[in-house]
Amino acid sequence: MNARLKLKELLQSPEITQVPSVFDGISARMAQATGFQAISVTGNGVAASMLGRPDVGLVSLTESSQVARNIAGAVDIPVIFDADTGYGTALNVTRAVQEFENSGVAAIKLEDQVTPKRCGVLDVPIPVVTEKEYLGKIEAALWARKDPDFLIIARTDAANTLGVEAAALRAKRAIDLGADSALIIGVREKEDVECVMSIIDTPLLTLVEEKGPMSTLHVSEIEKLGFSLALYPGPIRFSMAAAARRALEILRDEGQSTSFRPHMLKPEEWYELMDIDSYFDIEKRFVRGSGEAEQPVP
C-alpha cells in the first residue's frame, strides 16, 4: 500500500494514530524507526532548522517543497506537510499543490491566516482571511491536484479571533467542498471539542501542544474525544534543542563531552539510523572504479 492510501486508512480507522511532527530527514527517520505510522512536518521546525528564524512566513514555496521532497524520500510512512497559507492567493495555491504532490508527501495542511502569517499556537491574536477567500483556496487546491489520493487537509486558525463555533463551521464548509479532513487550531477545552464534533461528522486531526488541558491527556483519552489523528508538534524539536544546548554547555564548561555521552547515540547507532550498510552494499555491487578516465588504445 502506498503512503497516501495508508494515510487514508489511518484517518478512517476506529483507533487514533499518534503523529509526531518532524522537520528534516534525521527527525523523520527517527520517528519511523521508533515505530510511528505517519509523521507531520512542522512549519515552525522547518523555519528554525533552515533559517534559525521564527515561523512568521519567511520560508518560501521553493524551500518548503525541497524539504518535503527530502523528508518523503527519507521514509516509507505517510508525510503530512504544513503548506502554510499556500504562499499567496488561490493562484499560488495551485502551484503549491503541484509542487507538494510531486514531492511525494501524502497530504498538505492548508491554513486560512492572513499575510504575514505566524505560528498558530502563539499566545497572540491570529487574524484569518475571510471565509470566501479561504474557501476559494480550498477549491483551487482540489482543482489543482492530479492524484485523488493526495489529501488536502483544511486547517483553520479562526478559533483564535472568531471563536470555536465559527472555526468549526468554516472547516465544515471546506470539507463540504471536498477537503479530505480538517484541523482546527486552538481547540483545547472539552466543551470546545464537543462543539466541533457536533458540527463536523468527518474524521478530524487535532494538535496536541506542550501546554494546555489536552497536553496532559493520554492518547486513549484523545481518542475518546473523537479525533482520528493526534499531531504532536513539540516533542522532537523541543527535546533535540534542549539536549543539544545541554551538550554544548557541558562541552564549553567541562572542556570535553564525556559526562554527557550516556545521553548521546553511540556512533554505531547513528550509522544504523542512517542505514549506511545498504549504501555499502550498493557500492560493492555497482561501483567499478573511482572516476578515472578511460585510456585510449594505442
Protein backbone atom coordinates (compact mmCIF):
# COMPACT_ATOMS: atom_id res chain seq x y z
CA MET A 1 0.00 0.00 0.00
CA ASN A 2 1.40 3.40 -0.93
CA ALA A 3 1.76 6.14 1.67
CA ARG A 4 -1.27 8.15 0.53
CA LEU A 5 -3.62 5.19 0.73
CA LYS A 6 -2.11 4.33 4.11
CA LEU A 7 -2.91 7.81 5.42
CA LYS A 8 -6.48 7.48 4.18
CA GLU A 9 -6.73 4.18 6.01
CA LEU A 10 -5.39 5.72 9.23
CA LEU A 11 -7.93 8.55 9.01
CA GLN A 12 -10.80 6.08 8.73
CA SER A 13 -9.50 3.71 11.41
CA PRO A 14 -11.52 3.48 14.65
CA GLU A 15 -8.21 3.70 16.54
CA ILE A 16 -6.42 7.02 16.89
CA THR A 17 -2.96 7.45 15.37
CA GLN A 18 -0.21 9.43 17.07
CA VAL A 19 1.65 11.59 14.56
CA PRO A 20 4.88 13.26 15.74
CA SER A 21 5.97 16.42 13.93
CA VAL A 22 9.39 16.37 12.26
CA PHE A 23 11.35 18.99 10.34
CA ASP A 24 14.15 17.25 8.43
CA GLY A 25 15.40 13.88 7.24
CA ILE A 26 17.02 12.78 10.51
CA SER A 27 13.99 13.58 12.67
CA ALA A 28 11.77 11.80 10.11
CA ARG A 29 13.95 8.68 10.18
CA MET A 30 13.93 8.66 13.98
CA ALA A 31 10.13 8.80 14.04
CA GLN A 32 9.86 5.95 11.56
CA ALA A 33 12.49 3.86 13.37
CA THR A 34 10.59 4.32 16.64
CA GLY A 35 7.52 2.75 15.05
CA PHE A 36 5.20 5.66 14.27
CA GLN A 37 2.85 5.04 11.34
CA ALA A 38 2.83 8.60 9.99
CA ILE A 39 4.59 11.92 10.51
CA SER A 40 3.69 15.56 10.15
CA VAL A 41 6.13 18.30 9.16
CA THR A 42 6.05 21.35 11.40
CA GLY A 43 6.50 24.69 9.66
CA ASN A 44 7.83 26.05 12.94
CA GLY A 45 10.57 23.42 12.93
CA VAL A 46 11.38 23.95 9.25
CA ALA A 47 11.80 27.71 9.76
CA ALA A 48 14.04 27.08 12.76
CA SER A 49 16.19 24.37 11.18
CA MET A 50 16.58 26.09 7.80
CA LEU A 51 16.83 29.73 8.83
CA GLY A 52 17.20 29.88 12.58
CA ARG A 53 14.15 32.15 12.48
CA PRO A 54 10.59 32.04 13.88
CA ASP A 55 7.58 30.73 11.98
CA VAL A 56 6.30 34.01 10.51
CA GLY A 57 6.08 33.14 6.82
CA LEU A 58 9.75 33.55 5.92
CA VAL A 59 10.14 30.14 4.24
CA SER A 60 9.29 30.13 0.54
CA LEU A 61 7.41 27.54 -1.51
CA THR A 62 10.63 26.53 -3.26
CA GLU A 63 12.39 25.93 0.05
CA SER A 64 9.40 24.12 1.55
CA SER A 65 8.91 21.81 -1.43
CA GLN A 66 12.58 20.80 -1.26
CA VAL A 67 12.21 19.97 2.43
CA ALA A 68 9.07 17.97 1.57
CA ARG A 69 10.96 16.04 -1.10
CA ASN A 70 13.86 15.32 1.25
CA ILE A 71 11.63 14.05 4.03
CA ALA A 72 9.35 11.99 1.78
CA GLY A 73 12.45 10.38 0.28
CA ALA A 74 13.88 9.53 3.70
CA VAL A 75 10.95 7.43 4.95
CA ASP A 76 8.28 4.99 3.77
CA ILE A 77 5.47 6.17 6.05
CA PRO A 78 2.94 8.91 5.14
CA VAL A 79 4.13 12.51 5.44
CA ILE A 80 1.70 15.37 6.17
CA PHE A 81 3.28 18.68 5.16
CA ASP A 82 2.46 22.12 6.52
CA ALA A 83 1.81 24.20 3.37
CA ASP A 84 1.07 27.35 5.39
CA THR A 85 -1.32 29.67 3.53
CA GLY A 86 -0.42 28.30 0.11
CA TYR A 87 2.24 31.01 -0.30
CA GLY A 88 -0.09 33.67 -1.66
CA THR A 89 -3.51 33.79 -3.30
CA ALA A 90 -5.54 30.90 -4.69
CA LEU A 91 -3.41 31.20 -7.81
CA ASN A 92 -0.28 30.44 -5.78
CA VAL A 93 -2.09 27.57 -4.09
CA THR A 94 -2.45 25.77 -7.42
CA ARG A 95 1.32 25.71 -7.89
CA ALA A 96 1.91 24.76 -4.25
CA VAL A 97 -0.35 21.72 -4.63
CA GLN A 98 1.51 20.63 -7.76
CA GLU A 99 4.89 21.03 -6.04
CA PHE A 100 3.91 19.12 -2.93
CA GLU A 101 2.09 16.39 -4.82
CA ASN A 102 5.22 15.86 -6.94
CA SER A 103 7.41 15.84 -3.81
CA GLY A 104 5.93 12.54 -2.65
CA VAL A 105 4.25 13.66 0.57
CA ALA A 106 0.85 12.13 1.32
CA ALA A 107 -1.02 15.29 2.33
CA ILE A 108 -0.79 19.01 2.94
CA LYS A 109 -2.41 21.23 5.54
CA LEU A 110 -3.68 24.49 4.04
CA GLU A 111 -4.46 27.29 6.50
CA ASP A 112 -6.51 30.48 6.50
CA GLN A 113 -4.24 33.04 8.15
CA VAL A 114 -3.59 36.49 6.72
CA THR A 115 -0.18 37.53 5.41
CA PRO A 116 2.21 37.76 7.18
CA LYS A 117 1.26 34.56 8.95
CA ARG A 118 2.52 33.40 12.33
CA CYS A 119 2.77 30.21 14.33
CA GLY A 120 -0.81 29.30 15.23
CA VAL A 121 -0.08 28.29 18.82
CA LEU A 122 1.43 31.63 19.86
CA ASP A 123 -0.48 33.49 22.57
CA VAL A 124 -1.14 36.44 20.28
CA PRO A 125 -4.09 37.34 18.02
CA ILE A 126 -4.12 35.18 14.87
CA PRO A 127 -6.09 37.06 12.18
CA VAL A 128 -7.61 34.99 9.37
CA VAL A 129 -8.79 35.88 5.87
CA THR A 130 -12.48 35.98 5.00
CA GLU A 131 -14.24 32.66 4.65
CA LYS A 132 -14.91 33.47 0.98
CA GLU A 133 -11.19 33.87 0.26
CA TYR A 134 -10.23 30.76 2.22
CA LEU A 135 -12.80 28.51 0.55
CA GLY A 136 -11.53 29.79 -2.79
CA LYS A 137 -8.09 28.48 -1.84
CA ILE A 138 -9.54 25.10 -0.89
CA GLU A 139 -11.36 24.89 -4.23
CA ALA A 140 -8.15 25.84 -6.04
CA ALA A 141 -6.21 23.13 -4.20
CA LEU A 142 -8.79 20.48 -5.08
CA TRP A 143 -8.81 21.62 -8.71
CA ALA A 144 -5.00 21.54 -8.95
CA ARG A 145 -4.35 18.08 -7.53
CA LYS A 146 -3.88 15.27 -10.02
CA ASP A 147 -3.80 12.28 -7.67
CA PRO A 148 -7.15 11.86 -5.90
CA ASP A 149 -5.34 10.03 -3.09
CA PHE A 150 -3.26 13.13 -2.30
CA LEU A 151 -5.03 14.56 0.75
CA ILE A 152 -5.99 18.21 1.23
CA ILE A 153 -6.46 18.99 4.93
CA ALA A 154 -8.26 22.23 5.71
CA ARG A 155 -6.53 23.88 8.65
CA THR A 156 -8.22 26.86 10.27
CA ASP A 157 -6.85 29.23 12.91
CA ALA A 158 -10.16 31.10 13.14
CA ALA A 159 -10.90 29.96 16.70
CA ASN A 160 -8.29 32.41 17.99
CA THR A 161 -10.15 35.53 16.86
CA LEU A 162 -13.60 34.38 15.70
CA GLY A 163 -14.38 31.62 18.19
CA VAL A 164 -14.57 27.83 18.08
CA GLU A 165 -18.03 27.58 16.52
CA ALA A 166 -17.09 29.91 13.65
CA ALA A 167 -13.91 27.90 13.08
CA ALA A 168 -15.81 24.62 13.06
CA LEU A 169 -18.35 25.95 10.58
CA ARG A 170 -15.52 27.19 8.35
CA ALA A 171 -13.87 23.76 8.47
CA LYS A 172 -17.18 22.03 7.72
CA ARG A 173 -17.71 24.17 4.63
CA ALA A 174 -14.20 23.31 3.43
CA ILE A 175 -14.98 19.61 3.89
CA ASP A 176 -18.30 20.02 2.09
CA LEU A 177 -16.33 21.41 -0.86
CA GLY A 178 -14.17 18.28 -0.92
CA ALA A 179 -11.35 18.71 1.59
CA ASP A 180 -10.42 15.30 2.98
CA SER A 181 -10.24 16.34 6.62
CA ALA A 182 -9.70 19.34 8.86
CA LEU A 183 -7.51 20.61 11.66
CA ILE A 184 -8.92 23.33 13.91
CA ILE A 185 -6.16 25.08 15.84
CA GLY A 186 -6.94 26.30 19.36
CA VAL A 187 -9.46 23.62 20.32
CA ARG A 188 -8.25 22.73 23.80
CA GLU A 189 -11.18 22.58 26.22
CA LYS A 190 -13.63 19.67 26.38
CA GLU A 191 -16.62 21.90 25.60
CA ASP A 192 -14.80 23.25 22.53
CA VAL A 193 -14.18 19.72 21.28
CA GLU A 194 -17.84 18.86 21.81
CA CYS A 195 -18.83 21.94 19.80
CA VAL A 196 -16.60 20.88 16.92
CA MET A 197 -17.84 17.30 16.94
CA SER A 198 -21.46 18.45 16.93
CA ILE A 199 -20.83 20.40 13.72
CA ILE A 200 -18.44 18.14 11.77
CA ASP A 201 -19.09 14.47 11.01
CA THR A 202 -15.75 13.65 9.37
CA PRO A 203 -12.54 12.12 10.81
CA LEU A 204 -10.50 15.04 12.16
CA LEU A 205 -6.95 15.86 13.20
CA THR A 206 -6.04 17.63 16.42
CA LEU A 207 -2.91 19.39 17.61
CA VAL A 208 -1.55 18.29 20.99
CA GLU A 209 0.57 21.17 22.25
CA GLU A 210 3.03 21.06 25.14
CA LYS A 211 0.71 23.29 27.19
CA GLY A 212 -2.98 23.46 27.99
CA PRO A 213 -5.50 20.82 29.06
CA MET A 214 -5.02 18.46 26.10
CA SER A 215 -1.24 18.29 26.67
CA THR A 216 -1.77 16.13 29.77
CA LEU A 217 -4.20 13.68 28.16
CA HIS A 218 -3.21 10.12 27.31
CA VAL A 219 -3.71 9.32 23.65
CA SER A 220 -6.56 6.96 24.56
CA GLU A 221 -8.39 9.89 26.13
CA ILE A 222 -7.91 11.95 22.98
CA GLU A 223 -9.35 9.06 21.01
CA LYS A 224 -12.47 9.12 23.18
CA LEU A 225 -12.92 12.79 22.28
CA GLY A 226 -13.44 11.62 18.69
CA PHE A 227 -10.21 12.54 16.89
CA SER A 228 -8.58 10.25 14.31
CA LEU A 229 -5.05 11.70 14.17
CA ALA A 230 -3.25 13.40 17.04
CA LEU A 231 -0.39 15.63 15.87
CA TYR A 232 2.41 16.36 18.35
CA PRO A 233 4.37 19.43 17.15
CA GLY A 234 6.69 19.81 20.15
CA PRO A 235 8.40 16.64 21.45
CA ILE A 236 11.08 16.22 18.77
CA ARG A 237 12.13 19.83 18.20
CA PHE A 238 11.97 20.88 21.85
CA SER A 239 13.83 17.77 23.04
CA MET A 240 16.51 17.94 20.36
CA ALA A 241 17.13 21.62 21.07
CA ALA A 242 17.27 21.08 24.83
CA ALA A 243 19.66 18.13 24.55
CA ALA A 244 21.93 19.91 22.08
CA ARG A 245 22.07 23.04 24.23
CA ARG A 246 22.94 21.00 27.32
CA ALA A 247 25.66 19.10 25.44
CA LEU A 248 27.18 22.37 24.22
CA GLU A 249 27.12 23.85 27.71
CA ILE A 250 28.94 20.82 29.09
CA LEU A 251 31.50 20.89 26.26
CA ARG A 252 32.13 24.60 26.98
CA ASP A 253 32.23 24.35 30.77
CA GLU A 254 34.00 21.00 31.22
CA GLY A 255 36.29 21.10 28.20
CA GLN A 256 35.07 17.70 26.98
CA SER A 257 31.80 15.87 26.32
CA THR A 258 32.46 12.79 28.46
CA SER A 259 29.82 13.39 31.13
CA PHE A 260 27.09 13.82 28.52
CA ARG A 261 27.93 10.72 26.48
CA PRO A 262 25.37 8.49 28.25
CA HIS A 263 22.72 10.74 26.69
CA MET A 264 24.18 10.54 23.18
CA LEU A 265 23.65 7.98 20.44
CA LYS A 266 26.68 5.77 20.02
CA PRO A 267 28.40 6.20 16.64
CA GLU A 268 27.22 2.75 15.54
CA GLU A 269 23.63 3.66 16.47
CA TRP A 270 23.88 6.83 14.39
CA TYR A 271 25.08 4.93 11.31
CA GLU A 272 22.44 2.27 11.80
CA LEU A 273 19.79 5.01 11.82
CA MET A 274 21.28 6.31 8.55
CA ASP A 275 21.10 2.76 7.09
CA ILE A 276 24.72 3.06 5.99
CA ASP A 277 25.12 -0.69 5.33
CA SER A 278 22.64 -0.54 2.47
CA TYR A 279 24.83 2.07 0.77
CA PHE A 280 27.92 -0.08 1.28
CA ASP A 281 26.02 -2.92 -0.39
CA ILE A 282 25.21 -0.68 -3.37
CA GLU A 283 28.83 0.38 -3.55
CA LYS A 284 30.06 -3.25 -3.60
CA ARG A 285 27.53 -4.19 -6.24
CA PHE A 286 27.90 -1.37 -8.73
CA VAL A 287 30.97 0.83 -8.16
CA ARG A 288 33.71 -0.42 -10.51
CA GLY A 289 36.20 2.39 -10.48
CA SER A 290 36.85 5.77 -8.94
CA GLY A 291 36.14 8.02 -11.90
CA GLU A 292 39.47 7.62 -13.69
CA ALA A 293 39.49 8.38 -17.40
CA GLU A 294 39.47 5.56 -19.92
CA GLN A 295 42.86 5.46 -21.63
CA PRO A 296 42.82 5.47 -25.42
CA VAL A 297 44.03 2.32 -27.14
CA PRO A 298 47.44 2.96 -28.77
